[in-house]
Amino acid sequence: MSTWEPAALEALTEEATVDAYGQDEQLTGFFTMIEESLAMPFTTTVLGAEVSVVGVDLAEDGRVVARCARGPVRQDIGILDLPLPEPAPEGSQWIEAYSYWAR
């Protein structure tokens, strides 16, 4: 559930996709805003296990993914599937805007 009003999400979407031609460039715009704005690393819980989100990347299948670490184990999780901690890290509004755009 979003904590941002639709008008604010639309404004963020416009900012992320300005000068973007086509869906691939729009996705790259969101990835860039998330990568530059999301305060990392941060800790969250995935399937009952505490993980550290150490970065973001674009997956080959066209999703923005969170690079998660737990000790020596690393796994990418779709950023839209990632449960955010409370309070959410700074810059998480870009994840919400990406979700709004992707729907």
PDB file of N, CA and C in Angstrom:
ATOM      1  N   MET A   1       0.840  -1.181   0.000  1.00  0.00           N
ATOM      2  CA  MET A   1       0.000   0.000   0.000  1.00  0.00           C
ATOM      3  C   MET A   1       0.879   1.236   0.000  1.00  0.00           C
ATOM      4  N   SER A   2       0.621   2.138  -0.904  1.00  0.00           N
ATOM      5  CA  SER A   2       1.444   3.326  -1.053  1.00  0.00           C
ATOM      6  C   SER A   2       1.132   4.359   0.026  1.00  0.00           C
ATOM      7  N   THR A   3       2.169   5.030   0.459  1.00  0.00           N
ATOM      8  CA  THR A   3       1.993   6.127   1.407  1.00  0.00           C
ATOM      9  C   THR A   3       2.003   7.467   0.682  1.00  0.00           C
ATOM     10  N   TRP A   4       2.136   7.420  -0.630  1.00  0.00           N
ATOM     11  CA  TRP A   4       2.192   8.631  -1.447  1.00  0.00           C
ATOM     12  C   TRP A   4       0.889   8.804  -2.222  1.00  0.00           C
ATOM     13  N   GLU A   5       0.460  10.041  -2.381  1.00  0.00           N
ATOM     14  CA  GLU A   5      -0.734  10.355  -3.151  1.00  0.00           C
ATOM     15  C   GLU A   5      -0.465  10.105  -4.637  1.00  0.00           C
ATOM     16  N   PRO A   6      -1.493   9.715  -5.401  1.00  0.00           N
ATOM     17  CA  PRO A   6      -1.299   9.495  -6.834  1.00  0.00           C
ATOM     18  C   PRO A   6      -0.668  10.686  -7.566  1.00  0.00           C
ATOM     19  N   ALA A   7      -1.022  11.903  -7.197  1.00  0.00           N
ATOM     20  CA  ALA A   7      -0.442  13.075  -7.861  1.00  0.00           C
ATOM     21  C   ALA A   7       1.069  13.149  -7.625  1.00  0.00           C
ATOM     22  N   ALA A   8       1.512  12.811  -6.418  1.00  0.00           N
ATOM     23  CA  ALA A   8       2.952  12.812  -6.124  1.00  0.00           C
ATOM     24  C   ALA A   8       3.654  11.710  -6.897  1.00  0.00           C
ATOM     25  N   LEU A   9       3.029  10.529  -6.989  1.00  0.00           N
ATOM     26  CA  LEU A   9       3.615   9.430  -7.752  1.00  0.00           C
ATOM     27  C   LEU A   9       3.678   9.765  -9.239  1.00  0.00           C
ATOM     28  N   GLU A  10       2.669  10.444  -9.742  1.00  0.00           N
ATOM     29  CA  GLU A  10       2.685  10.868 -11.145  1.00  0.00           C
ATOM     30  C   GLU A  10       3.804  11.879 -11.399  1.00  0.00           C
ATOM     31  N   ALA A  11       4.030  12.784 -10.451  1.00  0.00           N
ATOM     32  CA  ALA A  11       5.121  13.755 -10.588  1.00  0.00           C
ATOM     33  C   ALA A  11       6.482  13.055 -10.584  1.00  0.00           C
ATOM     34  N   LEU A  12       6.661  12.075  -9.710  1.00  0.00           N
ATOM     35  CA  LEU A  12       7.905  11.308  -9.680  1.00  0.00           C
ATOM     36  C   LEU A  12       8.082  10.519 -10.980  1.00  0.00           C
ATOM     37  N   THR A  13       6.996   9.943 -11.477  1.00  0.00           N
ATOM     38  CA  THR A  13       7.044   9.204 -12.737  1.00  0.00           C
ATOM     39  C   THR A  13       7.468  10.121 -13.872  1.00  0.00           C
ATOM     40  N   GLU A  14       6.916  11.300 -13.910  1.00  0.00           N
ATOM     41  CA  GLU A  14       7.298  12.271 -14.946  1.00  0.00           C
ATOM     42  C   GLU A  14       8.782  12.621 -14.843  1.00  0.00           C
ATOM     43  N   GLU A  15       9.264  12.809 -13.627  1.00  0.00           N
ATOM     44  CA  GLU A  15      10.679  13.132 -13.431  1.00  0.00           C
ATOM     45  C   GLU A  15      11.589  11.988 -13.890  1.00  0.00           C
ATOM     46  N   ALA A  16      11.196  10.751 -13.585  1.00  0.00           N
ATOM     47  CA  ALA A  16      12.027   9.591 -13.942  1.00  0.00           C
ATOM     48  C   ALA A  16      12.018   9.302 -15.432  1.00  0.00           C
ATOM     49  N   THR A  17      10.938   9.663 -16.107  1.00  0.00           N
ATOM     50  CA  THR A  17      10.796   9.273 -17.512  1.00  0.00           C
ATOM     51  C   THR A  17      10.926  10.426 -18.488  1.00  0.00           C
ATOM     52  N   VAL A  18      11.258  11.608 -18.009  1.00  0.00           N
ATOM     53  CA  VAL A  18      11.413  12.746 -18.909  1.00  0.00           C
ATOM     54  C   VAL A  18      12.506  12.414 -19.930  1.00  0.00           C
ATOM     55  N   ASP A  19      12.267  12.744 -21.162  1.00  0.00           N
ATOM     56  CA  ASP A  19      13.204  12.480 -22.267  1.00  0.00           C
ATOM     57  C   ASP A  19      13.392  10.993 -22.549  1.00  0.00           C
ATOM     58  N   ALA A  20      12.543  10.131 -22.014  1.00  0.00           N
ATOM     59  CA  ALA A  20      12.654   8.690 -22.268  1.00  0.00           C
ATOM     60  C   ALA A  20      11.723   8.323 -23.414  1.00  0.00           C
ATOM     61  N   TYR A  21      12.261   7.604 -24.379  1.00  0.00           N
ATOM     62  CA  TYR A  21      11.481   7.144 -25.521  1.00  0.00           C
ATOM     63  C   TYR A  21      11.311   5.640 -25.394  1.00  0.00           C
ATOM     64  N   GLY A  22      10.097   5.205 -25.176  1.00  0.00           N
ATOM     65  CA  GLY A  22       9.821   3.788 -25.067  1.00  0.00           C
ATOM     66  C   GLY A  22       9.977   3.263 -23.650  1.00  0.00           C
ATOM     67  N   GLN A  23       9.442   2.068 -23.461  1.00  0.00           N
ATOM     68  CA  GLN A  23       9.401   1.451 -22.138  1.00  0.00           C
ATOM     69  C   GLN A  23      10.785   1.128 -21.593  1.00  0.00           C
ATOM     70  N   ASP A  24      11.719   0.689 -22.441  1.00  0.00           N
ATOM     71  CA  ASP A  24      13.064   0.358 -21.962  1.00  0.00           C
ATOM     72  C   ASP A  24      13.769   1.578 -21.380  1.00  0.00           C
ATOM     73  N   GLU A  25      13.669   2.711 -22.051  1.00  0.00           N
ATOM     74  CA  GLU A  25      14.299   3.929 -21.542  1.00  0.00           C
ATOM     75  C   GLU A  25      13.596   4.424 -20.286  1.00  0.00           C
ATOM     76  N   GLN A  26      12.275   4.241 -20.197  1.00  0.00           N
ATOM     77  CA  GLN A  26      11.563   4.629 -18.983  1.00  0.00           C
ATOM     78  C   GLN A  26      12.019   3.764 -17.801  1.00  0.00           C
ATOM     79  N   LEU A  27      12.156   2.461 -18.042  1.00  0.00           N
ATOM     80  CA  LEU A  27      12.649   1.563 -17.003  1.00  0.00           C
ATOM     81  C   LEU A  27      14.038   1.991 -16.542  1.00  0.00           C
ATOM     82  N   THR A  28      14.902   2.334 -17.482  1.00  0.00           N
ATOM     83  CA  THR A  28      16.241   2.798 -17.137  1.00  0.00           C
ATOM     84  C   THR A  28      16.172   4.074 -16.303  1.00  0.00           C
ATOM     85  N   GLY A  29      15.222   4.937 -16.602  1.00  0.00           N
ATOM     86  CA  GLY A  29      15.034   6.153 -15.809  1.00  0.00           C
ATOM     87  C   GLY A  29      14.689   5.832 -14.365  1.00  0.00           C
ATOM     88  N   PHE A  30      13.785   4.875 -14.159  1.00  0.00           N
ATOM     89  CA  PHE A  30      13.439   4.480 -12.786  1.00  0.00           C
ATOM     90  C   PHE A  30      14.622   3.824 -12.092  1.00  0.00           C
ATOM     91  N   PHE A  31      15.325   2.949 -12.802  1.00  0.00           N
ATOM     92  CA  PHE A  31      16.501   2.312 -12.204  1.00  0.00           C
ATOM     93  C   PHE A  31      17.503   3.366 -11.740  1.00  0.00           C
ATOM     94  N   THR A  32      17.751   4.351 -12.588  1.00  0.00           N
ATOM     95  CA  THR A  32      18.713   5.402 -12.247  1.00  0.00           C
ATOM     96  C   THR A  32      18.270   6.176 -11.010  1.00  0.00           C
ATOM     97  N   MET A  33      16.993   6.533 -10.936  1.00  0.00           N
ATOM     98  CA  MET A  33      16.504   7.292  -9.782  1.00  0.00           C
ATOM     99  C   MET A  33      16.587   6.451  -8.505  1.00  0.00           C
ATOM    100  N   ILE A  34      16.253   5.155  -8.601  1.00  0.00           N
ATOM    101  CA  ILE A  34      16.346   4.283  -7.426  1.00  0.00           C
ATOM    102  C   ILE A  34      17.802   4.130  -6.998  1.00  0.00           C
ATOM    103  N   GLU A  35      18.673   3.861  -7.972  1.00  0.00           N
ATOM    104  CA  GLU A  35      20.089   3.652  -7.661  1.00  0.00           C
ATOM    105  C   GLU A  35      20.716   4.892  -7.021  1.00  0.00           C
ATOM    106  N   GLU A  36      20.366   6.074  -7.525  1.00  0.00           N
ATOM    107  CA  GLU A  36      20.960   7.309  -7.023  1.00  0.00           C
ATOM    108  C   GLU A  36      20.336   7.798  -5.721  1.00  0.00           C
ATOM    109  N   SER A  37      19.079   7.430  -5.444  1.00  0.00           N
ATOM    110  CA  SER A  37      18.361   8.018  -4.317  1.00  0.00           C
ATOM    111  C   SER A  37      18.173   7.097  -3.114  1.00  0.00           C
ATOM    112  N   LEU A  38      18.149   5.782  -3.335  1.00  0.00           N
ATOM    113  CA  LEU A  38      17.857   4.856  -2.244  1.00  0.00           C
ATOM    114  C   LEU A  38      19.064   4.724  -1.316  1.00  0.00           C
ATOM    115  N   ALA A  39      18.850   5.025  -0.054  1.00  0.00           N
ATOM    116  CA  ALA A  39      19.920   4.953   0.947  1.00  0.00           C
ATOM    117  C   ALA A  39      20.254   3.486   1.218  1.00  0.00           C
ATOM    118  N   MET A  40      21.436   3.075   0.805  1.00  0.00           N
ATOM    119  CA  MET A  40      21.890   1.692   0.991  1.00  0.00           C
ATOM    120  C   MET A  40      23.261   1.704   1.628  1.00  0.00           C
ATOM    121  N   PRO A  41      23.610   0.678   2.353  1.00  0.00           N
ATOM    122  CA  PRO A  41      22.826  -0.524   2.612  1.00  0.00           C
ATOM    123  C   PRO A  41      21.755  -0.269   3.667  1.00  0.00           C
ATOM    124  N   PHE A  42      20.725  -1.110   3.644  1.00  0.00           N
ATOM    125  CA  PHE A  42      19.724  -1.117   4.708  1.00  0.00           C
ATOM    126  C   PHE A  42      19.316  -2.565   4.953  1.00  0.00           C
ATOM    127  N   THR A  43      18.751  -2.796   6.116  1.00  0.00           N
ATOM    128  CA  THR A  43      18.367  -4.145   6.522  1.00  0.00           C
ATOM    129  C   THR A  43      16.857  -4.299   6.426  1.00  0.00           C
ATOM    130  N   THR A  44      16.436  -5.467   5.936  1.00  0.00           N
ATOM    131  CA  THR A  44      15.017  -5.803   5.892  1.00  0.00           C
ATOM    132  C   THR A  44      14.885  -7.298   6.128  1.00  0.00           C
ATOM    133  N   THR A  45      13.650  -7.779   6.185  1.00  0.00           N
ATOM    134  CA  THR A  45      13.395  -9.193   6.432  1.00  0.00           C
ATOM    135  C   THR A  45      12.727  -9.805   5.207  1.00  0.00           C
ATOM    136  N   VAL A  46      13.317 -10.902   4.712  1.00  0.00           N
ATOM    137  CA  VAL A  46      12.778 -11.640   3.567  1.00  0.00           C
ATOM    138  C   VAL A  46      12.539 -13.078   4.017  1.00  0.00           C
ATOM    139  N   LEU A  47      11.283 -13.513   3.966  1.00  0.00           N
ATOM    140  CA  LEU A  47      10.905 -14.868   4.378  1.00  0.00           C
ATOM    141  C   LEU A  47      11.455 -15.221   5.766  1.00  0.00           C
ATOM    142  N   GLY A  48      11.366 -14.265   6.683  1.00  0.00           N
ATOM    143  CA  GLY A  48      11.777 -14.491   8.057  1.00  0.00           C
ATOM    144  C   GLY A  48      13.265 -14.356   8.325  1.00  0.00           C
ATOM    145  N   ALA A  49      14.049 -14.092   7.292  1.00  0.00           N
ATOM    146  CA  ALA A  49      15.503 -13.947   7.464  1.00  0.00           C
ATOM    147  C   ALA A  49      15.907 -12.489   7.252  1.00  0.00           C
ATOM    148  N   GLU A  50      16.747 -12.003   8.142  1.00  0.00           N
ATOM    149  CA  GLU A  50      17.250 -10.638   8.009  1.00  0.00           C
ATOM    150  C   GLU A  50      18.314 -10.604   6.915  1.00  0.00           C
ATOM    151  N   VAL A  51      18.154  -9.678   5.970  1.00  0.00           N
ATOM    152  CA  VAL A  51      19.109  -9.511   4.879  1.00  0.00           C
ATOM    153  C   VAL A  51      19.513  -8.052   4.793  1.00  0.00           C
ATOM    154  N   SER A  52      20.649  -7.824   4.173  1.00  0.00           N
ATOM    155  CA  SER A  52      21.119  -6.474   3.920  1.00  0.00           C
ATOM    156  C   SER A  52      20.979  -6.193   2.423  1.00  0.00           C
ATOM    157  N   VAL A  53      20.313  -5.112   2.094  1.00  0.00           N
ATOM    158  CA  VAL A  53      20.202  -4.691   0.697  1.00  0.00           C
ATOM    159  C   VAL A  53      21.427  -3.824   0.421  1.00  0.00           C
ATOM    160  N   VAL A  54      22.298  -4.342  -0.449  1.00  0.00           N
ATOM    161  CA  VAL A  54      23.587  -3.692  -0.680  1.00  0.00           C
ATOM    162  C   VAL A  54      23.668  -2.967  -2.019  1.00  0.00           C
ATOM    163  N   GLY A  55      22.641  -3.111  -2.862  1.00  0.00           N
ATOM    164  CA  GLY A  55      22.652  -2.433  -4.146  1.00  0.00           C
ATOM    165  C   GLY A  55      21.423  -2.775  -4.955  1.00  0.00           C
ATOM    166  N   VAL A  56      21.332  -2.177  -6.126  1.00  0.00           N
ATOM    167  CA  VAL A  56      20.258  -2.472  -7.074  1.00  0.00           C
ATOM    168  C   VAL A  56      20.878  -2.695  -8.444  1.00  0.00           C
ATOM    169  N   ASP A  57      20.138  -3.381  -9.301  1.00  0.00           N
ATOM    170  CA  ASP A  57      20.636  -3.661 -10.645  1.00  0.00           C
ATOM    171  C   ASP A  57      19.449  -3.852 -11.569  1.00  0.00           C
ATOM    172  N   LEU A  58      19.729  -3.847 -12.872  1.00  0.00           N
ATOM    173  CA  LEU A  58      18.729  -4.197 -13.875  1.00  0.00           C
ATOM    174  C   LEU A  58      18.959  -5.651 -14.256  1.00  0.00           C
ATOM    175  N   ALA A  59      17.944  -6.476 -14.093  1.00  0.00           N
ATOM    176  CA  ALA A  59      18.047  -7.893 -14.448  1.00  0.00           C
ATOM    177  C   ALA A  59      17.853  -8.046 -15.953  1.00  0.00           C
ATOM    178  N   GLU A  60      18.333  -9.162 -16.467  1.00  0.00           N
ATOM    179  CA  GLU A  60      18.193  -9.448 -17.892  1.00  0.00           C
ATOM    180  C   GLU A  60      16.735  -9.529 -18.322  1.00  0.00           C
ATOM    181  N   ASP A  61      15.846  -9.888 -17.389  1.00  0.00           N
ATOM    182  CA  ASP A  61      14.427 -10.007 -17.725  1.00  0.00           C
ATOM    183  C   ASP A  61      13.685  -8.674 -17.656  1.00  0.00           C
ATOM    184  N   GLY A  62      14.415  -7.565 -17.442  1.00  0.00           N
ATOM    185  CA  GLY A  62      13.809  -6.244 -17.474  1.00  0.00           C
ATOM    186  C   GLY A  62      13.231  -5.764 -16.168  1.00  0.00           C
ATOM    187  N   ARG A  63      13.642  -6.351 -15.059  1.00  0.00           N
ATOM    188  CA  ARG A  63      13.177  -5.892 -13.751  1.00  0.00           C
ATOM    189  C   ARG A  63      14.300  -5.173 -13.023  1.00  0.00           C
ATOM    190  N   VAL A  64      13.905  -4.249 -12.149  1.00  0.00           N
ATOM    191  CA  VAL A  64      14.856  -3.678 -11.210  1.00  0.00           C
ATOM    192  C   VAL A  64      14.904  -4.646 -10.036  1.00  0.00           C
ATOM    193  N   VAL A  65      16.106  -5.055  -9.640  1.00  0.00           N
ATOM    194  CA  VAL A  65      16.263  -6.012  -8.546  1.00  0.00           C
ATOM    195  C   VAL A  65      17.116  -5.412  -7.438  1.00  0.00           C
ATOM    196  N   ALA A  66      16.827  -5.861  -6.225  1.00  0.00           N
ATOM    197  CA  ALA A  66      17.633  -5.504  -5.054  1.00  0.00           C
ATOM    198  C   ALA A  66      18.667  -6.599  -4.854  1.00  0.00           C
ATOM    199  N   ARG A  67      19.914  -6.211  -4.663  1.00  0.00           N
ATOM    200  CA  ARG A  67      20.985  -7.172  -4.380  1.00  0.00           C
ATOM    201  C   ARG A  67      21.019  -7.360  -2.871  1.00  0.00           C
ATOM    202  N   CYS A  68      20.610  -8.550  -2.430  1.00  0.00           N
ATOM    203  CA  CYS A  68      20.503  -8.846  -1.007  1.00  0.00           C
ATOM    204  C   CYS A  68      21.640  -9.760  -0.567  1.00  0.00           C
ATOM    205  N   ALA A  69      22.095  -9.560   0.669  1.00  0.00           N
ATOM    206  CA  ALA A  69      23.182 -10.368   1.219  1.00  0.00           C
ATOM    207  C   ALA A  69      22.813 -10.803   2.630  1.00  0.00           C
ATOM    208  N   ARG A  70      23.188 -12.037   2.928  1.00  0.00           N
ATOM    209  CA  ARG A  70      23.074 -12.582   4.289  1.00  0.00           C
ATOM    210  C   ARG A  70      24.318 -13.426   4.474  1.00  0.00           C
ATOM    211  N   GLY A  71      25.291 -12.859   5.180  1.00  0.00           N
ATOM    212  CA  GLY A  71      26.585 -13.530   5.311  1.00  0.00           C
ATOM    213  C   GLY A  71      27.187 -13.681   3.918  1.00  0.00           C
ATOM    214  N   PRO A  72      27.668 -14.880   3.582  1.00  0.00           N
ATOM    215  CA  PRO A  72      28.286 -15.073   2.271  1.00  0.00           C
ATOM    216  C   PRO A  72      27.267 -15.309   1.146  1.00  0.00           C
ATOM    217  N   VAL A  73      25.983 -15.461   1.499  1.00  0.00           N
ATOM    218  CA  VAL A  73      24.951 -15.757   0.502  1.00  0.00           C
ATOM    219  C   VAL A  73      24.441 -14.462  -0.113  1.00  0.00           C
ATOM    220  N   ARG A  74      24.339 -14.451  -1.447  1.00  0.00           N
ATOM    221  CA  ARG A  74      23.838 -13.291  -2.185  1.00  0.00           C
ATOM    222  C   ARG A  74      22.665 -13.744  -3.054  1.00  0.00           C
ATOM    223  N   GLN A  75      21.639 -12.878  -3.150  1.00  0.00           N
ATOM    224  CA  GLN A  75      20.506 -13.186  -4.014  1.00  0.00           C
ATOM    225  C   GLN A  75      19.858 -11.886  -4.457  1.00  0.00           C
ATOM    226  N   ASP A  76      19.474 -11.850  -5.726  1.00  0.00           N
ATOM    227  CA  ASP A  76      18.726 -10.719  -6.254  1.00  0.00           C
ATOM    228  C   ASP A  76      17.238 -10.990  -6.076  1.00  0.00           C
ATOM    229  N   ILE A  77      16.516  -9.977  -5.617  1.00  0.00           N
ATOM    230  CA  ILE A  77      15.073 -10.066  -5.417  1.00  0.00           C
ATOM    231  C   ILE A  77      14.452  -8.879  -6.142  1.00  0.00           C
ATOM    232  N   GLY A  78      13.399  -9.136  -6.897  1.00  0.00           N
ATOM    233  CA  GLY A  78      12.694  -8.039  -7.569  1.00  0.00           C
ATOM    234  C   GLY A  78      12.350  -6.954  -6.568  1.00  0.00           C
ATOM    235  N   ILE A  79      12.694  -5.731  -6.894  1.00  0.00           N
ATOM    236  CA  ILE A  79      12.519  -4.650  -5.919  1.00  0.00           C
ATOM    237  C   ILE A  79      11.051  -4.433  -5.569  1.00  0.00           C
ATOM    238  N   LEU A  80      10.147  -4.806  -6.482  1.00  0.00           N
ATOM    239  CA  LEU A  80       8.723  -4.683  -6.177  1.00  0.00           C
ATOM    240  C   LEU A  80       8.244  -5.807  -5.260  1.00  0.00           C
ATOM    241  N   ASP A  81       9.044  -6.858  -5.099  1.00  0.00           N
ATOM    242  CA  ASP A  81       8.726  -7.961  -4.194  1.00  0.00           C
ATOM    243  C   ASP A  81       9.423  -7.817  -2.846  1.00  0.00           C
ATOM    244  N   LEU A  82      10.271  -6.817  -2.716  1.00  0.00           N
ATOM    245  CA  LEU A  82      11.072  -6.633  -1.508  1.00  0.00           C
ATOM    246  C   LEU A  82      10.247  -5.948  -0.419  1.00  0.00           C
ATOM    247  N   PRO A  83      10.091  -6.592   0.745  1.00  0.00           N
ATOM    248  CA  PRO A  83       9.413  -5.905   1.842  1.00  0.00           C
ATOM    249  C   PRO A  83      10.349  -4.833   2.421  1.00  0.00           C
ATOM    250  N   LEU A  84       9.866  -3.617   2.502  1.00  0.00           N
ATOM    251  CA  LEU A  84      10.688  -2.530   3.050  1.00  0.00           C
ATOM    252  C   LEU A  84      10.526  -2.476   4.560  1.00  0.00           C
ATOM    253  N   PRO A  85      11.588  -2.114   5.261  1.00  0.00           N
ATOM    254  CA  PRO A  85      11.499  -1.993   6.718  1.00  0.00           C
ATOM    255  C   PRO A  85      10.704  -0.749   7.108  1.00  0.00           C
ATOM    256  N   GLU A  86      10.336  -0.700   8.368  1.00  0.00           N
ATOM    257  CA  GLU A  86       9.701   0.501   8.935  1.00  0.00           C
ATOM    258  C   GLU A  86      10.675   1.136   9.902  1.00  0.00           C
ATOM    259  N   PRO A  87      11.052   2.358   9.752  1.00  0.00           N
ATOM    260  CA  PRO A  87      10.680   3.221   8.634  1.00  0.00           C
ATOM    261  C   PRO A  87      11.439   2.819   7.373  1.00  0.00           C
ATOM    262  N   ALA A  88      10.841   3.148   6.242  1.00  0.00           N
ATOM    263  CA  ALA A  88      11.465   2.835   4.955  1.00  0.00           C
ATOM    264  C   ALA A  88      12.708   3.711   4.773  1.00  0.00           C
ATOM    265  N   PRO A  89      13.697   3.201   4.046  1.00  0.00           N
ATOM    266  CA  PRO A  89      14.918   3.989   3.837  1.00  0.00           C
ATOM    267  C   PRO A  89      14.647   5.217   2.972  1.00  0.00           C
ATOM    268  N   GLU A  90      15.487   6.201   3.150  1.00  0.00           N
ATOM    269  CA  GLU A  90      15.392   7.405   2.333  1.00  0.00           C
ATOM    270  C   GLU A  90      15.469   7.012   0.859  1.00  0.00           C
ATOM    271  N   GLY A  91      14.650   7.645   0.054  1.00  0.00           N
ATOM    272  CA  GLY A  91      14.635   7.369  -1.379  1.00  0.00           C
ATOM    273  C   GLY A  91      13.655   6.292  -1.788  1.00  0.00           C
ATOM    274  N   SER A  92      12.959   5.677  -0.826  1.00  0.00           N
ATOM    275  CA  SER A  92      12.036   4.585  -1.155  1.00  0.00           C
ATOM    276  C   SER A  92      10.825   5.058  -1.955  1.00  0.00           C
ATOM    277  N   GLN A  93      10.604   6.372  -2.010  1.00  0.00           N
ATOM    278  CA  GLN A  93       9.494   6.875  -2.824  1.00  0.00           C
ATOM    279  C   GLN A  93       9.684   6.507  -4.293  1.00  0.00           C
ATOM    280  N   TRP A  94      10.940   6.308  -4.715  1.00  0.00           N
ATOM    281  CA  TRP A  94      11.196   5.925  -6.104  1.00  0.00           C
ATOM    282  C   TRP A  94      10.750   4.490  -6.361  1.00  0.00           C
ATOM    283  N   ILE A  95      10.808   3.633  -5.352  1.00  0.00           N
ATOM    284  CA  ILE A  95      10.290   2.275  -5.506  1.00  0.00           C
ATOM    285  C   ILE A  95       8.768   2.342  -5.663  1.00  0.00           C
ATOM    286  N   GLU A  96       8.127   3.179  -4.861  1.00  0.00           N
ATOM    287  CA  GLU A  96       6.673   3.334  -4.966  1.00  0.00           C
ATOM    288  C   GLU A  96       6.287   3.905  -6.323  1.00  0.00           C
ATOM    289  N   ALA A  97       7.046   4.866  -6.823  1.00  0.00           N
ATOM    290  CA  ALA A  97       6.749   5.438  -8.139  1.00  0.00           C
ATOM    291  C   ALA A  97       6.955   4.406  -9.243  1.00  0.00           C
ATOM    292  N   TYR A  98       7.991   3.585  -9.112  1.00  0.00           N
ATOM    293  CA  TYR A  98       8.233   2.506 -10.076  1.00  0.00           C
ATOM    294  C   TYR A  98       7.070   1.518 -10.057  1.00  0.00           C
ATOM    295  N   SER A  99       6.581   1.161  -8.871  1.00  0.00           N
ATOM    296  CA  SER A  99       5.439   0.267  -8.749  1.00  0.00           C
ATOM    297  C   SER A  99       4.210   0.879  -9.396  1.00  0.00           C
ATOM    298  N   TYR A 100       3.980   2.156  -9.170  1.00  0.00           N
ATOM    299  CA  TYR A 100       2.841   2.890  -9.749  1.00  0.00           C
ATOM    300  C   TYR A 100       2.932   2.853 -11.274  1.00  0.00           C
ATOM    301  N   TRP A 101       4.121   3.084 -11.820  1.00  0.00           N
ATOM    302  CA  TRP A 101       4.340   3.078 -13.268  1.00  0.00           C
ATOM    303  C   TRP A 101       4.178   1.670 -13.841  1.00  0.00           C
ATOM    304  N   ALA A 102       4.643   0.659 -13.146  1.00  0.00           N
ATOM    305  CA  ALA A 102       4.656  -0.712 -13.640  1.00  0.00           C
ATOM    306  C   ALA A 102       3.275  -1.369 -13.650  1.00  0.00           C
ATOM    307  N   ARG A 103       2.335  -0.832 -12.919  1.00  0.00           N
ATOM    308  CA  ARG A 103       1.031  -1.497 -12.829  1.00  0.00           C
ATOM    309  C   ARG A 103       0.207  -1.401 -14.073  1.00  0.00           C
TER     310      ARG A 103
END
